[in-house]
Amino acid sequence: MSADSYMDMALEEARAAARRGEVPVGAVLVDADTGEVLARAGNLTEEMNDPTAHAEILVIRAAAGAKGEPRLPNCDLYVTLEPCPMCATAISFARLRRVYFGAYDPKGGG
């Protein structure tokens, strides 16, 4: 699969988040070695009443849980909007290999 395909998946998640009344951000976490999609999600902060339920955090949690590892150094993140400082910190702690984002966020980017 191509980088465009992964970003298209992230955009699908963002559109689904918008339909749920969430901030429309979507993310996809991919195993860089195999190309396997490990997790995909859109924001769920409103639905879960959880200010940390950003798409990036959700996919990191899901992939780390599925792999049974707290660090994901061979994984790439595709996200529709520049990660906020909270998500940027989580990305750093997870040691993701690369981050691709679709648009800068001058208001909250990290």
N, C-alpha and C. Protein backbone atom coordinates (compact mmCIF):
# COMPACT_ATOMS: atom_id res chain seq x y z
N MET A 1 0.83 -1.18 0.00
CA MET A 1 0.00 0.00 0.00
C MET A 1 0.88 1.25 0.00
N SER A 2 0.38 2.32 -0.55
CA SER A 2 1.16 3.55 -0.64
C SER A 2 0.84 4.49 0.52
N ALA A 3 1.71 5.47 0.70
CA ALA A 3 1.48 6.49 1.74
C ALA A 3 0.15 7.19 1.50
N ASP A 4 -0.19 7.42 0.24
CA ASP A 4 -1.48 8.06 -0.07
C ASP A 4 -2.64 7.20 0.41
N SER A 5 -2.52 5.89 0.27
CA SER A 5 -3.60 4.99 0.71
C SER A 5 -3.78 5.06 2.22
N TYR A 6 -2.67 5.11 2.96
CA TYR A 6 -2.77 5.20 4.41
C TYR A 6 -3.39 6.53 4.82
N MET A 7 -3.00 7.61 4.13
CA MET A 7 -3.58 8.91 4.45
C MET A 7 -5.06 8.94 4.08
N ASP A 8 -5.42 8.25 3.00
CA ASP A 8 -6.85 8.15 2.64
C ASP A 8 -7.64 7.47 3.76
N MET A 9 -7.06 6.44 4.37
CA MET A 9 -7.71 5.77 5.51
C MET A 9 -7.87 6.75 6.67
N ALA A 10 -6.82 7.52 6.93
CA ALA A 10 -6.89 8.51 8.02
C ALA A 10 -7.98 9.54 7.73
N LEU A 11 -8.11 9.94 6.47
CA LEU A 11 -9.17 10.89 6.10
C LEU A 11 -10.55 10.27 6.29
N GLU A 12 -10.70 8.98 5.99
CA GLU A 12 -11.98 8.30 6.25
C GLU A 12 -12.32 8.35 7.73
N GLU A 13 -11.33 8.13 8.58
CA GLU A 13 -11.55 8.18 10.03
C GLU A 13 -11.91 9.60 10.47
N ALA A 14 -11.28 10.60 9.86
CA ALA A 14 -11.60 11.99 10.20
C ALA A 14 -13.03 12.33 9.81
N ARG A 15 -13.45 11.88 8.64
CA ARG A 15 -14.84 12.13 8.21
C ARG A 15 -15.83 11.44 9.15
N ALA A 16 -15.52 10.23 9.57
CA ALA A 16 -16.39 9.52 10.51
C ALA A 16 -16.45 10.26 11.85
N ALA A 17 -15.31 10.80 12.29
CA ALA A 17 -15.28 11.58 13.54
C ALA A 17 -16.17 12.81 13.40
N ALA A 18 -16.10 13.48 12.27
CA ALA A 18 -16.94 14.67 12.04
C ALA A 18 -18.41 14.31 12.11
N ARG A 19 -18.79 13.18 11.52
CA ARG A 19 -20.20 12.76 11.55
C ARG A 19 -20.67 12.47 12.98
N ARG A 20 -19.73 12.11 13.86
CA ARG A 20 -20.07 11.85 15.27
C ARG A 20 -20.04 13.12 16.11
N GLY A 21 -19.72 14.26 15.49
CA GLY A 21 -19.65 15.52 16.22
C GLY A 21 -18.32 15.76 16.90
N GLU A 22 -17.31 15.01 16.49
CA GLU A 22 -15.97 15.15 17.05
C GLU A 22 -15.15 16.13 16.21
N VAL A 23 -14.02 16.58 16.76
CA VAL A 23 -13.05 17.31 15.95
C VAL A 23 -12.58 16.32 14.89
N PRO A 24 -12.66 16.69 13.61
CA PRO A 24 -12.40 15.72 12.54
C PRO A 24 -10.92 15.42 12.30
N VAL A 25 -10.38 14.58 13.15
CA VAL A 25 -8.99 14.12 12.99
C VAL A 25 -9.02 12.60 12.94
N GLY A 26 -8.25 12.04 12.00
CA GLY A 26 -8.13 10.60 11.88
C GLY A 26 -6.67 10.19 11.85
N ALA A 27 -6.40 8.96 12.29
CA ALA A 27 -5.03 8.46 12.32
C ALA A 27 -4.99 6.98 11.97
N VAL A 28 -3.87 6.58 11.37
CA VAL A 28 -3.62 5.19 11.02
C VAL A 28 -2.18 4.88 11.43
N LEU A 29 -1.98 3.75 12.12
CA LEU A 29 -0.64 3.33 12.53
C LEU A 29 -0.28 2.08 11.74
N VAL A 30 0.88 2.11 11.10
CA VAL A 30 1.30 1.07 10.16
C VAL A 30 2.63 0.47 10.57
N ASP A 31 2.74 -0.86 10.47
CA ASP A 31 4.02 -1.54 10.64
C ASP A 31 4.85 -1.24 9.40
N ALA A 32 5.94 -0.51 9.56
CA ALA A 32 6.73 -0.07 8.41
C ALA A 32 7.40 -1.22 7.68
N ASP A 33 7.66 -2.33 8.37
CA ASP A 33 8.32 -3.47 7.73
C ASP A 33 7.37 -4.26 6.84
N THR A 34 6.14 -4.44 7.29
CA THR A 34 5.19 -5.28 6.56
C THR A 34 4.11 -4.50 5.82
N GLY A 35 3.90 -3.24 6.18
CA GLY A 35 2.82 -2.46 5.59
C GLY A 35 1.47 -2.74 6.21
N GLU A 36 1.43 -3.59 7.24
CA GLU A 36 0.17 -3.94 7.89
C GLU A 36 -0.37 -2.76 8.69
N VAL A 37 -1.66 -2.50 8.52
CA VAL A 37 -2.32 -1.48 9.34
C VAL A 37 -2.59 -2.10 10.71
N LEU A 38 -1.96 -1.54 11.73
CA LEU A 38 -2.11 -2.06 13.09
C LEU A 38 -3.32 -1.47 13.80
N ALA A 39 -3.64 -0.22 13.49
CA ALA A 39 -4.78 0.43 14.13
C ALA A 39 -5.18 1.65 13.33
N ARG A 40 -6.46 1.99 13.41
CA ARG A 40 -6.97 3.22 12.80
C ARG A 40 -8.08 3.75 13.68
N ALA A 41 -8.18 5.07 13.77
CA ALA A 41 -9.18 5.67 14.65
C ALA A 41 -9.38 7.13 14.31
N GLY A 42 -10.52 7.63 14.73
CA GLY A 42 -10.80 9.06 14.70
C GLY A 42 -10.95 9.54 16.13
N ASN A 43 -10.93 10.85 16.31
CA ASN A 43 -11.09 11.41 17.66
C ASN A 43 -12.35 10.89 18.33
N LEU A 44 -12.27 10.66 19.63
CA LEU A 44 -13.42 10.21 20.43
C LEU A 44 -13.55 11.01 21.73
N THR A 45 -13.01 12.22 21.77
CA THR A 45 -13.01 12.98 23.02
C THR A 45 -14.42 13.28 23.53
N GLU A 46 -15.33 13.63 22.64
CA GLU A 46 -16.71 13.95 23.05
C GLU A 46 -17.46 12.68 23.46
N GLU A 47 -17.37 11.67 22.62
CA GLU A 47 -18.09 10.41 22.87
C GLU A 47 -17.65 9.74 24.17
N MET A 48 -16.36 9.78 24.44
CA MET A 48 -15.82 9.11 25.63
C MET A 48 -15.71 10.04 26.84
N ASN A 49 -16.01 11.33 26.63
CA ASN A 49 -15.80 12.32 27.70
C ASN A 49 -14.38 12.21 28.24
N ASP A 50 -13.44 12.13 27.31
CA ASP A 50 -12.03 11.91 27.65
C ASP A 50 -11.18 12.87 26.84
N PRO A 51 -10.58 13.87 27.47
CA PRO A 51 -9.79 14.84 26.73
C PRO A 51 -8.54 14.26 26.09
N THR A 52 -8.15 13.04 26.47
CA THR A 52 -6.97 12.41 25.86
C THR A 52 -7.33 11.46 24.72
N ALA A 53 -8.59 11.34 24.37
CA ALA A 53 -9.01 10.37 23.35
C ALA A 53 -8.83 10.93 21.94
N HIS A 54 -7.63 11.44 21.68
CA HIS A 54 -7.28 11.91 20.34
C HIS A 54 -6.96 10.70 19.47
N ALA A 55 -7.14 10.84 18.17
CA ALA A 55 -6.92 9.73 17.24
C ALA A 55 -5.53 9.12 17.39
N GLU A 56 -4.52 9.98 17.54
CA GLU A 56 -3.15 9.50 17.64
C GLU A 56 -2.96 8.62 18.88
N ILE A 57 -3.49 9.07 20.01
CA ILE A 57 -3.37 8.32 21.26
C ILE A 57 -4.10 6.98 21.13
N LEU A 58 -5.28 7.01 20.53
CA LEU A 58 -6.08 5.79 20.39
C LEU A 58 -5.35 4.73 19.57
N VAL A 59 -4.72 5.14 18.45
CA VAL A 59 -4.03 4.13 17.63
C VAL A 59 -2.76 3.63 18.30
N ILE A 60 -2.07 4.49 19.02
CA ILE A 60 -0.87 4.05 19.74
C ILE A 60 -1.26 3.03 20.81
N ARG A 61 -2.31 3.33 21.57
CA ARG A 61 -2.77 2.40 22.61
C ARG A 61 -3.18 1.06 22.00
N ALA A 62 -3.94 1.10 20.92
CA ALA A 62 -4.42 -0.14 20.30
C ALA A 62 -3.26 -0.97 19.76
N ALA A 63 -2.33 -0.34 19.06
CA ALA A 63 -1.21 -1.08 18.48
C ALA A 63 -0.28 -1.62 19.55
N ALA A 64 0.01 -0.82 20.56
CA ALA A 64 0.89 -1.29 21.64
C ALA A 64 0.24 -2.46 22.38
N GLY A 65 -1.06 -2.38 22.60
CA GLY A 65 -1.77 -3.48 23.25
C GLY A 65 -1.76 -4.74 22.41
N ALA A 66 -2.00 -4.59 21.11
CA ALA A 66 -2.04 -5.74 20.21
C ALA A 66 -0.67 -6.40 20.09
N LYS A 67 0.38 -5.58 20.06
CA LYS A 67 1.73 -6.13 19.93
C LYS A 67 2.31 -6.55 21.28
N GLY A 68 1.70 -6.11 22.37
CA GLY A 68 2.22 -6.43 23.68
C GLY A 68 3.54 -5.74 23.97
N GLU A 69 3.71 -4.56 23.39
CA GLU A 69 4.95 -3.80 23.56
C GLU A 69 4.63 -2.33 23.79
N PRO A 70 5.33 -1.67 24.72
CA PRO A 70 5.07 -0.26 24.96
C PRO A 70 5.72 0.67 23.95
N ARG A 71 6.64 0.15 23.17
CA ARG A 71 7.33 0.97 22.17
C ARG A 71 7.14 0.36 20.79
N LEU A 72 7.01 1.23 19.81
CA LEU A 72 6.68 0.80 18.44
C LEU A 72 7.67 1.43 17.45
N PRO A 73 8.96 1.09 17.55
CA PRO A 73 9.97 1.77 16.74
C PRO A 73 9.92 1.49 15.24
N ASN A 74 9.25 0.46 14.82
CA ASN A 74 9.15 0.16 13.39
C ASN A 74 7.79 0.53 12.83
N CYS A 75 7.14 1.51 13.46
CA CYS A 75 5.80 1.91 13.02
C CYS A 75 5.78 3.35 12.55
N ASP A 76 4.93 3.59 11.56
CA ASP A 76 4.72 4.93 11.02
C ASP A 76 3.29 5.36 11.30
N LEU A 77 3.13 6.64 11.64
CA LEU A 77 1.82 7.21 11.92
C LEU A 77 1.41 8.14 10.79
N TYR A 78 0.20 7.95 10.31
CA TYR A 78 -0.42 8.84 9.32
C TYR A 78 -1.58 9.52 10.02
N VAL A 79 -1.56 10.84 10.09
CA VAL A 79 -2.60 11.58 10.80
C VAL A 79 -2.99 12.80 9.97
N THR A 80 -4.25 13.16 10.00
CA THR A 80 -4.75 14.21 9.12
C THR A 80 -4.34 15.61 9.55
N LEU A 81 -4.02 15.80 10.81
CA LEU A 81 -3.66 17.13 11.33
C LEU A 81 -2.41 17.01 12.19
N GLU A 82 -1.57 18.03 12.14
CA GLU A 82 -0.36 18.06 12.96
C GLU A 82 -0.70 17.71 14.41
N PRO A 83 0.02 16.77 15.01
CA PRO A 83 -0.28 16.38 16.38
C PRO A 83 -0.09 17.53 17.38
N CYS A 84 -0.96 17.55 18.38
CA CYS A 84 -0.86 18.53 19.47
C CYS A 84 0.32 18.15 20.37
N PRO A 85 0.69 19.02 21.31
CA PRO A 85 1.80 18.68 22.20
C PRO A 85 1.60 17.37 22.98
N MET A 86 0.39 17.09 23.45
CA MET A 86 0.14 15.84 24.17
C MET A 86 0.42 14.64 23.26
N CYS A 87 -0.10 14.68 22.05
CA CYS A 87 0.10 13.56 21.12
C CYS A 87 1.55 13.46 20.67
N ALA A 88 2.20 14.61 20.47
CA ALA A 88 3.61 14.60 20.09
C ALA A 88 4.45 13.92 21.17
N THR A 89 4.11 14.16 22.42
CA THR A 89 4.82 13.51 23.52
C THR A 89 4.58 12.00 23.51
N ALA A 90 3.33 11.59 23.31
CA ALA A 90 3.01 10.16 23.24
C ALA A 90 3.75 9.50 22.07
N ILE A 91 3.81 10.19 20.95
CA ILE A 91 4.53 9.68 19.77
C ILE A 91 6.00 9.47 20.12
N SER A 92 6.57 10.44 20.82
CA SER A 92 7.97 10.34 21.24
C SER A 92 8.17 9.17 22.21
N PHE A 93 7.29 9.04 23.19
CA PHE A 93 7.41 7.94 24.16
C PHE A 93 7.24 6.58 23.49
N ALA A 94 6.38 6.50 22.47
CA ALA A 94 6.17 5.24 21.75
C ALA A 94 7.32 4.95 20.78
N ARG A 95 8.14 5.97 20.55
CA ARG A 95 9.30 5.86 19.66
C ARG A 95 8.92 5.47 18.23
N LEU A 96 7.85 6.07 17.75
CA LEU A 96 7.44 5.79 16.38
C LEU A 96 8.54 6.20 15.41
N ARG A 97 8.63 5.48 14.32
CA ARG A 97 9.69 5.72 13.33
C ARG A 97 9.49 7.04 12.60
N ARG A 98 8.27 7.24 12.08
CA ARG A 98 7.96 8.45 11.30
C ARG A 98 6.54 8.88 11.54
N VAL A 99 6.31 10.18 11.34
CA VAL A 99 4.96 10.75 11.41
C VAL A 99 4.72 11.53 10.13
N TYR A 100 3.60 11.23 9.50
CA TYR A 100 3.16 11.96 8.31
C TYR A 100 1.85 12.65 8.67
N PHE A 101 1.75 13.96 8.46
CA PHE A 101 0.49 14.63 8.74
C PHE A 101 0.04 15.44 7.55
N GLY A 102 -1.29 15.56 7.43
CA GLY A 102 -1.88 16.18 6.25
C GLY A 102 -1.91 17.69 6.25
N ALA A 103 -2.01 18.31 7.42
CA ALA A 103 -2.11 19.76 7.50
C ALA A 103 -1.49 20.25 8.80
N TYR A 104 -0.87 21.43 8.72
CA TYR A 104 -0.35 22.06 9.93
C TYR A 104 -1.51 22.56 10.78
N ASP A 105 -1.30 22.59 12.09
CA ASP A 105 -2.29 23.12 13.02
C ASP A 105 -1.68 24.32 13.74
N PRO A 106 -1.86 25.53 13.19
CA PRO A 106 -1.24 26.70 13.81
C PRO A 106 -1.80 27.00 15.21
N LYS A 107 -2.99 26.48 15.50
CA LYS A 107 -3.63 26.73 16.79
C LYS A 107 -3.10 25.80 17.89
N GLY A 108 -2.88 24.54 17.56
CA GLY A 108 -2.54 23.59 18.61
C GLY A 108 -1.46 22.61 18.28
N GLY A 109 -0.77 22.78 17.16
CA GLY A 109 0.25 21.82 16.76
C GLY A 109 1.42 21.80 17.72
N GLY A 110 2.08 20.65 17.77
CA GLY A 110 3.19 20.49 18.70
C GLY A 110 4.46 20.14 17.99
